[in-house]
């Protein structure tokens, strides 16, 4: 995660919280210095029983919401510094972009900063 020109006032560690397909997972904590590197994979599995038409699956994914939160471990419960929210279909299967970037599992998303991230 990059945030050019920004230094965090609080030095507590950060983690990325991910909610997708009705499941929650989070990364290990990393030091509070940009850029943040999360060198791990989070696995989410879901079986869609009684779905035989791919169009029905697309509709289910469009009604599901994926949420990513960048959280700093500031007591007592931590502070959400930035969030990203999108329907799960668009998150898992993004439209092709006109810019030439890296292909594969890496892509860019823009998180929205919270009031705690000044």
PDB file of N, CA and C in Angstrom:
ATOM      1  N   UNK A   1       0.862  -1.169   0.000  1.00  0.00           N
ATOM      2  CA  UNK A   1       0.000   0.000   0.000  1.00  0.00           C
ATOM      3  C   UNK A   1       0.900   1.222   0.000  1.00  0.00           C
ATOM      4  N   UNK A   2       0.634   2.116  -0.930  1.00  0.00           N
ATOM      5  CA  UNK A   2       1.430   3.329  -1.004  1.00  0.00           C
ATOM      6  C   UNK A   2       0.586   4.531  -0.619  1.00  0.00           C
ATOM      7  N   UNK A   3       1.258   5.530  -0.113  1.00  0.00           N
ATOM      8  CA  UNK A   3       0.636   6.807   0.222  1.00  0.00           C
ATOM      9  C   UNK A   3       1.756   7.846   0.149  1.00  0.00           C
ATOM     10  N   UNK A   4       2.128   8.256  -1.072  1.00  0.00           N
ATOM     11  CA  UNK A   4       3.304   9.109  -1.269  1.00  0.00           C
ATOM     12  C   UNK A   4       3.280  10.380  -0.418  1.00  0.00           C
ATOM     13  N   UNK A   5       4.411  10.646   0.223  1.00  0.00           N
ATOM     14  CA  UNK A   5       4.575  11.866   0.998  1.00  0.00           C
ATOM     15  C   UNK A   5       3.949  11.851   2.375  1.00  0.00           C
ATOM     16  N   UNK A   6       3.425  10.721   2.811  1.00  0.00           N
ATOM     17  CA  UNK A   6       2.731  10.663   4.100  1.00  0.00           C
ATOM     18  C   UNK A   6       3.550   9.865   5.103  1.00  0.00           C
ATOM     19  N   UNK A   7       3.640  10.415   6.308  1.00  0.00           N
ATOM     20  CA  UNK A   7       4.221   9.692   7.432  1.00  0.00           C
ATOM     21  C   UNK A   7       3.140   9.591   8.497  1.00  0.00           C
ATOM     22  N   UNK A   8       3.028   8.422   9.092  1.00  0.00           N
ATOM     23  CA  UNK A   8       2.009   8.219  10.117  1.00  0.00           C
ATOM     24  C   UNK A   8       2.484   8.776  11.448  1.00  0.00           C
ATOM     25  N   UNK A   9       1.619   9.549  12.100  1.00  0.00           N
ATOM     26  CA  UNK A   9       1.933  10.141  13.397  1.00  0.00           C
ATOM     27  C   UNK A   9       2.078   9.050  14.458  1.00  0.00           C
ATOM     28  N   UNK A  10       1.132   8.124  14.472  1.00  0.00           N
ATOM     29  CA  UNK A  10       1.184   7.010  15.417  1.00  0.00           C
ATOM     30  C   UNK A  10       2.063   5.911  14.831  1.00  0.00           C
ATOM     31  N   UNK A  11       2.853   5.277  15.662  1.00  0.00           N
ATOM     32  CA  UNK A  11       3.815   4.273  15.185  1.00  0.00           C
ATOM     33  C   UNK A  11       3.363   2.834  15.404  1.00  0.00           C
ATOM     34  N   UNK A  12       2.132   2.627  15.876  1.00  0.00           N
ATOM     35  CA  UNK A  12       1.642   1.261  16.060  1.00  0.00           C
ATOM     36  C   UNK A  12       1.500   0.582  14.697  1.00  0.00           C
ATOM     37  N   UNK A  13       1.609  -0.747  14.703  1.00  0.00           N
ATOM     38  CA  UNK A  13       1.545  -1.532  13.471  1.00  0.00           C
ATOM     39  C   UNK A  13       0.164  -1.464  12.823  1.00  0.00           C
ATOM     40  N   UNK A  14       0.123  -1.885  11.546  1.00  0.00           N
ATOM     41  CA  UNK A  14      -1.115  -1.878  10.763  1.00  0.00           C
ATOM     42  C   UNK A  14      -1.369  -3.260  10.183  1.00  0.00           C
ATOM     43  N   UNK A  15      -2.634  -3.507   9.850  1.00  0.00           N
ATOM     44  CA  UNK A  15      -2.998  -4.727   9.137  1.00  0.00           C
ATOM     45  C   UNK A  15      -4.138  -4.416   8.178  1.00  0.00           C
ATOM     46  N   UNK A  16      -4.346  -5.317   7.244  1.00  0.00           N
ATOM     47  CA  UNK A  16      -5.422  -5.184   6.272  1.00  0.00           C
ATOM     48  C   UNK A  16      -6.512  -6.182   6.621  1.00  0.00           C
ATOM     49  N   UNK A  17      -7.710  -5.692   6.831  1.00  0.00           N
ATOM     50  CA  UNK A  17      -8.878  -6.506   7.139  1.00  0.00           C
ATOM     51  C   UNK A  17      -9.662  -6.710   5.844  1.00  0.00           C
ATOM     52  N   UNK A  18     -10.061  -7.958   5.564  1.00  0.00           N
ATOM     53  CA  UNK A  18     -10.754  -8.270   4.311  1.00  0.00           C
ATOM     54  C   UNK A  18     -12.028  -9.046   4.615  1.00  0.00           C
ATOM     55  N   UNK A  19     -13.150  -8.564   4.078  1.00  0.00           N
ATOM     56  CA  UNK A  19     -14.442  -9.244   4.206  1.00  0.00           C
ATOM     57  C   UNK A  19     -14.966  -9.490   2.803  1.00  0.00           C
ATOM     58  N   UNK A  20     -15.070 -10.771   2.430  1.00  0.00           N
ATOM     59  CA  UNK A  20     -15.541 -11.134   1.095  1.00  0.00           C
ATOM     60  C   UNK A  20     -16.277 -12.476   1.183  1.00  0.00           C
ATOM     61  N   UNK A  21     -17.336 -12.608   0.415  1.00  0.00           N
ATOM     62  CA  UNK A  21     -18.138 -13.832   0.371  1.00  0.00           C
ATOM     63  C   UNK A  21     -18.634 -14.243   1.751  1.00  0.00           C
ATOM     64  N   UNK A  22     -18.949 -13.246   2.578  1.00  0.00           N
ATOM     65  CA  UNK A  22     -19.466 -13.521   3.915  1.00  0.00           C
ATOM     66  C   UNK A  22     -18.421 -14.009   4.892  1.00  0.00           C
ATOM     67  N   UNK A  23     -17.155 -13.907   4.531  1.00  0.00           N
ATOM     68  CA  UNK A  23     -16.071 -14.382   5.387  1.00  0.00           C
ATOM     69  C   UNK A  23     -15.088 -13.259   5.677  1.00  0.00           C
ATOM     70  N   UNK A  24     -14.504 -13.319   6.875  1.00  0.00           N
ATOM     71  CA  UNK A  24     -13.558 -12.303   7.320  1.00  0.00           C
ATOM     72  C   UNK A  24     -12.179 -12.932   7.497  1.00  0.00           C
ATOM     73  N   UNK A  25     -11.157 -12.193   7.108  1.00  0.00           N
ATOM     74  CA  UNK A  25      -9.781 -12.607   7.329  1.00  0.00           C
ATOM     75  C   UNK A  25      -8.940 -11.350   7.433  1.00  0.00           C
ATOM     76  N   UNK A  26      -7.748 -11.465   7.992  1.00  0.00           N
ATOM     77  CA  UNK A  26      -6.872 -10.309   8.080  1.00  0.00           C
ATOM     78  C   UNK A  26      -5.430 -10.733   7.888  1.00  0.00           C
ATOM     79  N   UNK A  27      -4.615  -9.756   7.508  1.00  0.00           N
ATOM     80  CA  UNK A  27      -3.201 -10.005   7.291  1.00  0.00           C
ATOM     81  C   UNK A  27      -2.459  -9.946   8.621  1.00  0.00           C
ATOM     82  N   UNK A  28      -1.204 -10.336   8.568  1.00  0.00           N
ATOM     83  CA  UNK A  28      -0.315 -10.117   9.704  1.00  0.00           C
ATOM     84  C   UNK A  28      -0.034  -8.618   9.798  1.00  0.00           C
ATOM     85  N   UNK A  29       0.408  -8.172  10.942  1.00  0.00           N
ATOM     86  CA  UNK A  29       0.716  -6.756  11.147  1.00  0.00           C
ATOM     87  C   UNK A  29       2.054  -6.398  10.498  1.00  0.00           C
ATOM     88  N   UNK A  30       2.126  -5.159  10.025  1.00  0.00           N
ATOM     89  CA  UNK A  30       3.353  -4.633   9.429  1.00  0.00           C
ATOM     90  C   UNK A  30       3.689  -3.301  10.096  1.00  0.00           C
ATOM     91  N   UNK A  31       4.977  -2.894  10.051  1.00  0.00           N
ATOM     92  CA  UNK A  31       5.363  -1.608  10.642  1.00  0.00           C
ATOM     93  C   UNK A  31       4.647  -0.439   9.971  1.00  0.00           C
ATOM     94  N   UNK A  32       4.491   0.650  10.711  1.00  0.00           N
ATOM     95  CA  UNK A  32       3.752   1.825  10.247  1.00  0.00           C
ATOM     96  C   UNK A  32       4.628   2.751   9.413  1.00  0.00           C
ATOM     97  N   UNK A  33       5.171   2.230   8.313  1.00  0.00           N
ATOM     98  CA  UNK A  33       6.010   3.013   7.418  1.00  0.00           C
ATOM     99  C   UNK A  33       5.586   2.699   5.983  1.00  0.00           C
ATOM    100  N   UNK A  34       5.216   3.746   5.228  1.00  0.00           N
ATOM    101  CA  UNK A  34       4.845   3.554   3.827  1.00  0.00           C
ATOM    102  C   UNK A  34       6.091   3.401   2.978  1.00  0.00           C
ATOM    103  N   UNK A  35       6.052   2.580   1.940  1.00  0.00           N
ATOM    104  CA  UNK A  35       4.950   1.718   1.523  1.00  0.00           C
ATOM    105  C   UNK A  35       4.817   0.507   2.448  1.00  0.00           C
ATOM    106  N   UNK A  36       3.577   0.029   2.590  1.00  0.00           N
ATOM    107  CA  UNK A  36       3.284  -1.146   3.409  1.00  0.00           C
ATOM    108  C   UNK A  36       3.313  -2.371   2.509  1.00  0.00           C
ATOM    109  N   UNK A  37       3.997  -3.420   2.954  1.00  0.00           N
ATOM    110  CA  UNK A  37       4.092  -4.648   2.167  1.00  0.00           C
ATOM    111  C   UNK A  37       3.451  -5.790   2.941  1.00  0.00           C
ATOM    112  N   UNK A  38       2.404  -6.358   2.375  1.00  0.00           N
ATOM    113  CA  UNK A  38       1.741  -7.531   2.950  1.00  0.00           C
ATOM    114  C   UNK A  38       2.126  -8.717   2.082  1.00  0.00           C
ATOM    115  N   UNK A  39       3.047  -9.532   2.539  1.00  0.00           N
ATOM    116  CA  UNK A  39       3.585 -10.640   1.763  1.00  0.00           C
ATOM    117  C   UNK A  39       2.874 -11.942   2.139  1.00  0.00           C
ATOM    118  N   UNK A  40       1.588 -12.019   1.871  1.00  0.00           N
ATOM    119  CA  UNK A  40       0.845 -13.227   2.208  1.00  0.00           C
ATOM    120  C   UNK A  40      -0.386 -13.348   1.322  1.00  0.00           C
ATOM    121  N   UNK A  41      -0.975 -14.523   1.359  1.00  0.00           N
ATOM    122  CA  UNK A  41      -2.195 -14.768   0.607  1.00  0.00           C
ATOM    123  C   UNK A  41      -3.314 -15.076   1.588  1.00  0.00           C
ATOM    124  N   UNK A  42      -4.477 -14.522   1.331  1.00  0.00           N
ATOM    125  CA  UNK A  42      -5.667 -14.825   2.117  1.00  0.00           C
ATOM    126  C   UNK A  42      -6.579 -15.670   1.236  1.00  0.00           C
ATOM    127  N   UNK A  43      -7.089 -16.763   1.758  1.00  0.00           N
ATOM    128  CA  UNK A  43      -7.906 -17.681   0.972  1.00  0.00           C
ATOM    129  C   UNK A  43      -9.349 -17.618   1.463  1.00  0.00           C
ATOM    130  N   UNK A  44     -10.258 -17.465   0.516  1.00  0.00           N
ATOM    131  CA  UNK A  44     -11.690 -17.454   0.801  1.00  0.00           C
ATOM    132  C   UNK A  44     -12.339 -18.488  -0.107  1.00  0.00           C
ATOM    133  N   UNK A  45     -13.108 -19.384   0.468  1.00  0.00           N
ATOM    134  CA  UNK A  45     -13.803 -20.402  -0.317  1.00  0.00           C
ATOM    135  C   UNK A  45     -15.290 -20.352   0.006  1.00  0.00           C
ATOM    136  N   UNK A  46     -16.098 -20.552  -1.026  1.00  0.00           N
ATOM    137  CA  UNK A  46     -17.547 -20.577  -0.816  1.00  0.00           C
ATOM    138  C   UNK A  46     -18.170 -21.475  -1.868  1.00  0.00           C
ATOM    139  N   UNK A  47     -19.062 -22.335  -1.430  1.00  0.00           N
ATOM    140  CA  UNK A  47     -19.818 -23.185  -2.351  1.00  0.00           C
ATOM    141  C   UNK A  47     -21.200 -22.563  -2.524  1.00  0.00           C
ATOM    142  N   UNK A  48     -21.604 -22.383  -3.763  1.00  0.00           N
ATOM    143  CA  UNK A  48     -22.929 -21.852  -4.062  1.00  0.00           C
ATOM    144  C   UNK A  48     -23.816 -23.035  -4.436  1.00  0.00           C
ATOM    145  N   UNK A  49     -24.469 -23.594  -3.447  1.00  0.00           N
ATOM    146  CA  UNK A  49     -25.323 -24.756  -3.680  1.00  0.00           C
ATOM    147  C   UNK A  49     -26.584 -24.324  -4.418  1.00  0.00           C
ATOM    148  N   UNK A  50     -27.079 -25.193  -5.245  1.00  0.00           N
ATOM    149  CA  UNK A  50     -28.310 -24.972  -6.015  1.00  0.00           C
ATOM    150  C   UNK A  50     -28.189 -23.866  -7.058  1.00  0.00           C
ATOM    151  N   UNK A  51     -26.970 -23.475  -7.416  1.00  0.00           N
ATOM    152  CA  UNK A  51     -26.782 -22.500  -8.489  1.00  0.00           C
ATOM    153  C   UNK A  51     -26.221 -23.252  -9.691  1.00  0.00           C
ATOM    154  N   UNK A  52     -26.989 -23.282 -10.771  1.00  0.00           N
ATOM    155  CA  UNK A  52     -26.542 -23.982 -11.976  1.00  0.00           C
ATOM    156  C   UNK A  52     -26.320 -23.027 -13.142  1.00  0.00           C
ATOM    157  N   UNK A  53     -26.969 -21.894 -13.111  1.00  0.00           N
ATOM    158  CA  UNK A  53     -26.847 -20.910 -14.186  1.00  0.00           C
ATOM    159  C   UNK A  53     -25.769 -19.885 -13.810  1.00  0.00           C
ATOM    160  N   UNK A  54     -24.733 -19.725 -14.660  1.00  0.00           N
ATOM    161  CA  UNK A  54     -23.700 -18.726 -14.363  1.00  0.00           C
ATOM    162  C   UNK A  54     -24.258 -17.319 -14.175  1.00  0.00           C
ATOM    163  N   UNK A  55     -25.340 -16.997 -14.855  1.00  0.00           N
ATOM    164  CA  UNK A  55     -25.981 -15.687 -14.697  1.00  0.00           C
ATOM    165  C   UNK A  55     -26.505 -15.481 -13.279  1.00  0.00           C
ATOM    166  N   UNK A  56     -27.020 -16.568 -12.673  1.00  0.00           N
ATOM    167  CA  UNK A  56     -27.480 -16.475 -11.283  1.00  0.00           C
ATOM    168  C   UNK A  56     -26.316 -16.233 -10.335  1.00  0.00           C
ATOM    169  N   UNK A  57     -25.180 -16.863 -10.625  1.00  0.00           N
ATOM    170  CA  UNK A  57     -23.992 -16.648  -9.797  1.00  0.00           C
ATOM    171  C   UNK A  57     -23.512 -15.209  -9.910  1.00  0.00           C
ATOM    172  N   UNK A  58     -23.531 -14.666 -11.108  1.00  0.00           N
ATOM    173  CA  UNK A  58     -23.140 -13.270 -11.314  1.00  0.00           C
ATOM    174  C   UNK A  58     -24.028 -12.354 -10.475  1.00  0.00           C
ATOM    175  N   UNK A  59     -25.328 -12.605 -10.479  1.00  0.00           N
ATOM    176  CA  UNK A  59     -26.255 -11.778  -9.688  1.00  0.00           C
ATOM    177  C   UNK A  59     -25.955 -11.880  -8.204  1.00  0.00           C
ATOM    178  N   UNK A  60     -25.667 -13.087  -7.723  1.00  0.00           N
ATOM    179  CA  UNK A  60     -25.325 -13.257  -6.306  1.00  0.00           C
ATOM    180  C   UNK A  60     -24.064 -12.482  -5.947  1.00  0.00           C
ATOM    181  N   UNK A  61     -23.067 -12.527  -6.823  1.00  0.00           N
ATOM    182  CA  UNK A  61     -21.829 -11.797  -6.566  1.00  0.00           C
ATOM    183  C   UNK A  61     -22.034 -10.288  -6.620  1.00  0.00           C
ATOM    184  N   UNK A  62     -22.962  -9.833  -7.464  1.00  0.00           N
ATOM    185  CA  UNK A  62     -23.243  -8.400  -7.543  1.00  0.00           C
ATOM    186  C   UNK A  62     -23.942  -7.886  -6.285  1.00  0.00           C
ATOM    187  N   UNK A  63     -24.698  -8.742  -5.611  1.00  0.00           N
ATOM    188  CA  UNK A  63     -25.389  -8.337  -4.384  1.00  0.00           C
ATOM    189  C   UNK A  63     -24.509  -8.465  -3.145  1.00  0.00           C
ATOM    190  N   UNK A  64     -23.389  -9.187  -3.271  1.00  0.00           N
ATOM    191  CA  UNK A  64     -22.448  -9.334  -2.160  1.00  0.00           C
ATOM    192  C   UNK A  64     -21.486  -8.151  -2.178  1.00  0.00           C
ATOM    193  N   UNK A  65     -21.015  -7.732  -1.015  1.00  0.00           N
ATOM    194  CA  UNK A  65     -20.100  -6.599  -0.916  1.00  0.00           C
ATOM    195  C   UNK A  65     -18.764  -7.050  -0.346  1.00  0.00           C
ATOM    196  N   UNK A  66     -17.694  -6.633  -0.998  1.00  0.00           N
ATOM    197  CA  UNK A  66     -16.338  -6.865  -0.515  1.00  0.00           C
ATOM    198  C   UNK A  66     -15.859  -5.595   0.162  1.00  0.00           C
ATOM    199  N   UNK A  67     -15.269  -5.738   1.357  1.00  0.00           N
ATOM    200  CA  UNK A  67     -14.777  -4.586   2.112  1.00  0.00           C
ATOM    201  C   UNK A  67     -13.340  -4.849   2.537  1.00  0.00           C
ATOM    202  N   UNK A  68     -12.459  -3.899   2.245  1.00  0.00           N
ATOM    203  CA  UNK A  68     -11.082  -3.924   2.723  1.00  0.00           C
ATOM    204  C   UNK A  68     -10.892  -2.720   3.633  1.00  0.00           C
ATOM    205  N   UNK A  69     -10.226  -2.920   4.763  1.00  0.00           N
ATOM    206  CA  UNK A  69      -9.959  -1.821   5.694  1.00  0.00           C
ATOM    207  C   UNK A  69      -8.495  -1.870   6.112  1.00  0.00           C
ATOM    208  N   UNK A  70      -7.852  -0.714   6.084  1.00  0.00           N
ATOM    209  CA  UNK A  70      -6.504  -0.569   6.609  1.00  0.00           C
ATOM    210  C   UNK A  70      -6.645  -0.091   8.046  1.00  0.00           C
ATOM    211  N   UNK A  71      -6.188  -0.911   9.001  1.00  0.00           N
ATOM    212  CA  UNK A  71      -6.425  -0.642  10.423  1.00  0.00           C
ATOM    213  C   UNK A  71      -5.096  -0.519  11.150  1.00  0.00           C
ATOM    214  N   UNK A  72      -4.995   0.528  11.964  1.00  0.00           N
ATOM    215  CA  UNK A  72      -3.812   0.710  12.804  1.00  0.00           C
ATOM    216  C   UNK A  72      -4.158   0.316  14.228  1.00  0.00           C
ATOM    217  N   UNK A  73      -3.265  -0.401  14.881  1.00  0.00           N
ATOM    218  CA  UNK A  73      -3.510  -0.949  16.216  1.00  0.00           C
ATOM    219  C   UNK A  73      -3.371   0.117  17.307  1.00  0.00           C
ATOM    220  N   UNK A  74      -4.226   1.104  17.285  1.00  0.00           N
ATOM    221  CA  UNK A  74      -4.223   2.142  18.305  1.00  0.00           C
ATOM    222  C   UNK A  74      -5.255   1.744  19.350  1.00  0.00           C
ATOM    223  N   UNK A  75      -4.826   1.529  20.611  1.00  0.00           N
ATOM    224  CA  UNK A  75      -5.757   1.065  21.653  1.00  0.00           C
ATOM    225  C   UNK A  75      -6.935   2.014  21.820  1.00  0.00           C
ATOM    226  N   UNK A  76      -8.109   1.525  22.199  1.00  0.00           N
ATOM    227  CA  UNK A  76      -8.351   0.165  22.665  1.00  0.00           C
ATOM    228  C   UNK A  76      -8.722  -0.826  21.560  1.00  0.00           C
ATOM    229  N   UNK A  77      -9.258  -0.380  20.419  1.00  0.00           N
ATOM    230  CA  UNK A  77      -9.725  -1.349  19.410  1.00  0.00           C
ATOM    231  C   UNK A  77      -9.074  -1.160  18.045  1.00  0.00           C
ATOM    232  N   UNK A  78      -8.286  -0.158  17.847  1.00  0.00           N
ATOM    233  CA  UNK A  78      -7.694   0.114  16.547  1.00  0.00           C
ATOM    234  C   UNK A  78      -8.486   1.163  15.781  1.00  0.00           C
ATOM    235  N   UNK A  79      -7.815   1.833  14.863  1.00  0.00           N
ATOM    236  CA  UNK A  79      -8.464   2.871  14.053  1.00  0.00           C
ATOM    237  C   UNK A  79      -8.422   2.488  12.586  1.00  0.00           C
ATOM    238  N   UNK A  80      -9.557   2.623  11.918  1.00  0.00           N
ATOM    239  CA  UNK A  80      -9.634   2.388  10.478  1.00  0.00           C
ATOM    240  C   UNK A  80      -9.088   3.637   9.791  1.00  0.00           C
ATOM    241  N   UNK A  81      -7.998   3.474   9.043  1.00  0.00           N
ATOM    242  CA  UNK A  81      -7.394   4.610   8.349  1.00  0.00           C
ATOM    243  C   UNK A  81      -7.955   4.790   6.946  1.00  0.00           C
ATOM    244  N   UNK A  82      -8.294   3.677   6.283  1.00  0.00           N
ATOM    245  CA  UNK A  82      -8.802   3.759   4.916  1.00  0.00           C
ATOM    246  C   UNK A  82      -9.659   2.539   4.625  1.00  0.00           C
ATOM    247  N   UNK A  83     -10.623   2.714   3.705  1.00  0.00           N
ATOM    248  CA  UNK A  83     -11.521   1.617   3.341  1.00  0.00           C
ATOM    249  C   UNK A  83     -11.678   1.540   1.821  1.00  0.00           C
ATOM    250  N   UNK A  84     -12.058   0.364   1.395  1.00  0.00           N
ATOM    251  CA  UNK A  84     -12.406   0.124  -0.007  1.00  0.00           C
ATOM    252  C   UNK A  84     -13.624  -0.780   0.015  1.00  0.00           C
ATOM    253  N   UNK A  85     -14.641  -0.421  -0.758  1.00  0.00           N
ATOM    254  CA  UNK A  85     -15.880  -1.192  -0.779  1.00  0.00           C
ATOM    255  C   UNK A  85     -16.377  -1.281  -2.219  1.00  0.00           C
ATOM    256  N   UNK A  86     -16.715  -2.511  -2.636  1.00  0.00           N
ATOM    257  CA  UNK A  86     -17.202  -2.725  -3.999  1.00  0.00           C
ATOM    258  C   UNK A  86     -17.991  -4.029  -4.032  1.00  0.00           C
ATOM    259  N   UNK A  87     -18.878  -4.165  -5.016  1.00  0.00           N
ATOM    260  CA  UNK A  87     -19.584  -5.443  -5.110  1.00  0.00           C
ATOM    261  C   UNK A  87     -18.566  -6.524  -5.473  1.00  0.00           C
ATOM    262  N   UNK A  88     -18.811  -7.717  -4.994  1.00  0.00           N
ATOM    263  CA  UNK A  88     -17.838  -8.807  -5.099  1.00  0.00           C
ATOM    264  C   UNK A  88     -17.560  -9.200  -6.546  1.00  0.00           C
ATOM    265  N   UNK A  89     -18.547  -9.114  -7.411  1.00  0.00           N
ATOM    266  CA  UNK A  89     -18.317  -9.449  -8.822  1.00  0.00           C
ATOM    267  C   UNK A  89     -17.253  -8.537  -9.418  1.00  0.00           C
ATOM    268  N   UNK A  90     -17.406  -7.227  -9.241  1.00  0.00           N
ATOM    269  CA  UNK A  90     -16.437  -6.286  -9.804  1.00  0.00           C
ATOM    270  C   UNK A  90     -15.074  -6.395  -9.125  1.00  0.00           C
ATOM    271  N   UNK A  91     -15.063  -6.748  -7.835  1.00  0.00           N
ATOM    272  CA  UNK A  91     -13.787  -6.920  -7.143  1.00  0.00           C
ATOM    273  C   UNK A  91     -13.036  -8.147  -7.671  1.00  0.00           C
ATOM    274  N   UNK A  92     -13.731  -9.263  -7.812  1.00  0.00           N
ATOM    275  CA  UNK A  92     -13.079 -10.494  -8.259  1.00  0.00           C
ATOM    276  C   UNK A  92     -12.767 -10.490  -9.753  1.00  0.00           C
ATOM    277  N   UNK A  93     -13.615  -9.849 -10.540  1.00  0.00           N
ATOM    278  CA  UNK A  93     -13.460  -9.837 -11.992  1.00  0.00           C
ATOM    279  C   UNK A  93     -13.500  -8.408 -12.509  1.00  0.00           C
ATOM    280  N   UNK A  94     -12.431  -7.624 -12.274  1.00  0.00           N
ATOM    281  CA  UNK A  94     -12.441  -6.221 -12.699  1.00  0.00           C
ATOM    282  C   UNK A  94     -12.436  -6.093 -14.219  1.00  0.00           C
ATOM    283  N   UNK A  95     -13.053  -5.014 -14.680  1.00  0.00           N
ATOM    284  CA  UNK A  95     -13.032  -4.737 -16.118  1.00  0.00           C
ATOM    285  C   UNK A  95     -11.595  -4.447 -16.555  1.00  0.00           C
ATOM    286  N   UNK A  96     -11.260  -4.785 -17.786  1.00  0.00           N
ATOM    287  CA  UNK A  96      -9.920  -4.439 -18.282  1.00  0.00           C
ATOM    288  C   UNK A  96      -9.751  -2.922 -18.309  1.00  0.00           C
ATOM    289  N   UNK A  97      -8.567  -2.469 -17.948  1.00  0.00           N
ATOM    290  CA  UNK A  97      -8.279  -1.033 -17.952  1.00  0.00           C
ATOM    291  C   UNK A  97      -7.540  -0.677 -19.229  1.00  0.00           C
ATOM    292  N   UNK A  98      -7.601   0.592 -19.604  1.00  0.00           N
ATOM    293  CA  UNK A  98      -6.914   1.051 -20.799  1.00  0.00           C
ATOM    294  C   UNK A  98      -5.420   1.236 -20.557  1.00  0.00           C
ATOM    295  N   UNK A  99      -5.014   1.371 -19.288  1.00  0.00           N
ATOM    296  CA  UNK A  99      -3.596   1.548 -18.992  1.00  0.00           C
ATOM    297  C   UNK A  99      -2.897   0.197 -19.014  1.00  0.00           C
ATOM    298  N   UNK A 100      -1.632   0.227 -19.322  1.00  0.00           N
ATOM    299  CA  UNK A 100      -0.841  -1.002 -19.354  1.00  0.00           C
ATOM    300  C   UNK A 100      -0.174  -1.170 -18.004  1.00  0.00           C
ATOM    301  N   UNK A 101      -0.602  -2.137 -17.260  1.00  0.00           N
ATOM    302  CA  UNK A 101      -0.010  -2.424 -15.965  1.00  0.00           C
ATOM    303  C   UNK A 101       0.411  -3.865 -15.900  1.00  0.00           C
ATOM    304  N   UNK A 102       0.743  -4.287 -14.715  1.00  0.00           N
ATOM    305  CA  UNK A 102       1.117  -5.685 -14.523  1.00  0.00           C
ATOM    306  C   UNK A 102      -0.116  -6.557 -14.665  1.00  0.00           C
ATOM    307  N   UNK A 103       0.068  -7.705 -15.239  1.00  0.00           N
ATOM    308  CA  UNK A 103      -1.040  -8.651 -15.383  1.00  0.00           C
ATOM    309  C   UNK A 103      -0.929  -9.705 -14.307  1.00  0.00           C
ATOM    310  N   UNK A 104      -2.015 -10.359 -14.038  1.00  0.00           N
ATOM    311  CA  UNK A 104      -1.998 -11.432 -13.059  1.00  0.00           C
ATOM    312  C   UNK A 104      -2.738 -11.022 -11.798  1.00  0.00           C
ATOM    313  N   UNK A 105      -2.179 -11.383 -10.658  1.00  0.00           N
ATOM    314  CA  UNK A 105      -2.857 -11.170  -9.392  1.00  0.00           C
ATOM    315  C   UNK A 105      -2.722  -9.750  -8.861  1.00  0.00           C
ATOM    316  N   UNK A 106      -1.800  -8.965  -9.394  1.00  0.00           N
ATOM    317  CA  UNK A 106      -1.598  -7.615  -8.893  1.00  0.00           C
ATOM    318  C   UNK A 106      -2.466  -6.627  -9.651  1.00  0.00           C
ATOM    319  N   UNK A 107      -3.062  -5.715  -8.899  1.00  0.00           N
ATOM    320  CA  UNK A 107      -3.797  -4.619  -9.522  1.00  0.00           C
ATOM    321  C   UNK A 107      -3.923  -3.496  -8.526  1.00  0.00           C
ATOM    322  N   UNK A 108      -4.319  -2.340  -9.007  1.00  0.00           N
ATOM    323  CA  UNK A 108      -4.423  -1.176  -8.150  1.00  0.00           C
ATOM    324  C   UNK A 108      -5.884  -0.905  -7.805  1.00  0.00           C
ATOM    325  N   UNK A 109      -6.102  -0.520  -6.560  1.00  0.00           N
ATOM    326  CA  UNK A 109      -7.406  -0.031  -6.126  1.00  0.00           C
ATOM    327  C   UNK A 109      -7.161   1.248  -5.332  1.00  0.00           C
ATOM    328  N   UNK A 110      -8.143   2.087  -5.257  1.00  0.00           N
ATOM    329  CA  UNK A 110      -8.028   3.336  -4.513  1.00  0.00           C
ATOM    330  C   UNK A 110      -8.900   3.243  -3.272  1.00  0.00           C
ATOM    331  N   UNK A 111      -8.256   3.341  -2.114  1.00  0.00           N
ATOM    332  CA  UNK A 111      -8.988   3.281  -0.852  1.00  0.00           C
ATOM    333  C   UNK A 111      -9.401   4.693  -0.462  1.00  0.00           C
ATOM    334  N   UNK A 112     -10.501   4.796   0.251  1.00  0.00           N
ATOM    335  CA  UNK A 112     -11.000   6.087   0.715  1.00  0.00           C
ATOM    336  C   UNK A 112     -10.520   6.294   2.148  1.00  0.00           C
ATOM    337  N   UNK A 113      -9.862   7.415   2.390  1.00  0.00           N
ATOM    338  CA  UNK A 113      -9.328   7.657   3.732  1.00  0.00           C
ATOM    339  C   UNK A 113     -10.450   7.977   4.715  1.00  0.00           C
ATOM    340  N   UNK A 114     -10.216   7.623   5.967  1.00  0.00           N
ATOM    341  CA  UNK A 114     -11.196   7.899   7.021  1.00  0.00           C
ATOM    342  C   UNK A 114     -10.825   9.222   7.690  1.00  0.00           C
ATOM    343  N   UNK A 115     -11.705   9.767   8.524  1.00  0.00           N
ATOM    344  CA  UNK A 115     -11.390  11.010   9.244  1.00  0.00           C
ATOM    345  C   UNK A 115     -10.178  10.865  10.186  1.00  0.00           C
ATOM    346  N   UNK A 116      -9.856   9.626  10.588  1.00  0.00           N
ATOM    347  CA  UNK A 116      -8.705   9.400  11.471  1.00  0.00           C
ATOM    348  C   UNK A 116      -7.379   9.517  10.735  1.00  0.00           C
ATOM    349  N   UNK A 117      -7.412   9.460   9.419  1.00  0.00           N
ATOM    350  CA  UNK A 117      -6.198   9.485   8.605  1.00  0.00           C
ATOM    351  C   UNK A 117      -6.069  10.871   8.011  1.00  0.00           C
ATOM    352  N   UNK A 118      -5.421  11.766   8.728  1.00  0.00           N
ATOM    353  CA  UNK A 118      -5.361  13.169   8.297  1.00  0.00           C
ATOM    354  C   UNK A 118      -4.104  13.486   7.520  1.00  0.00           C
TER     355      UNK A 118
END
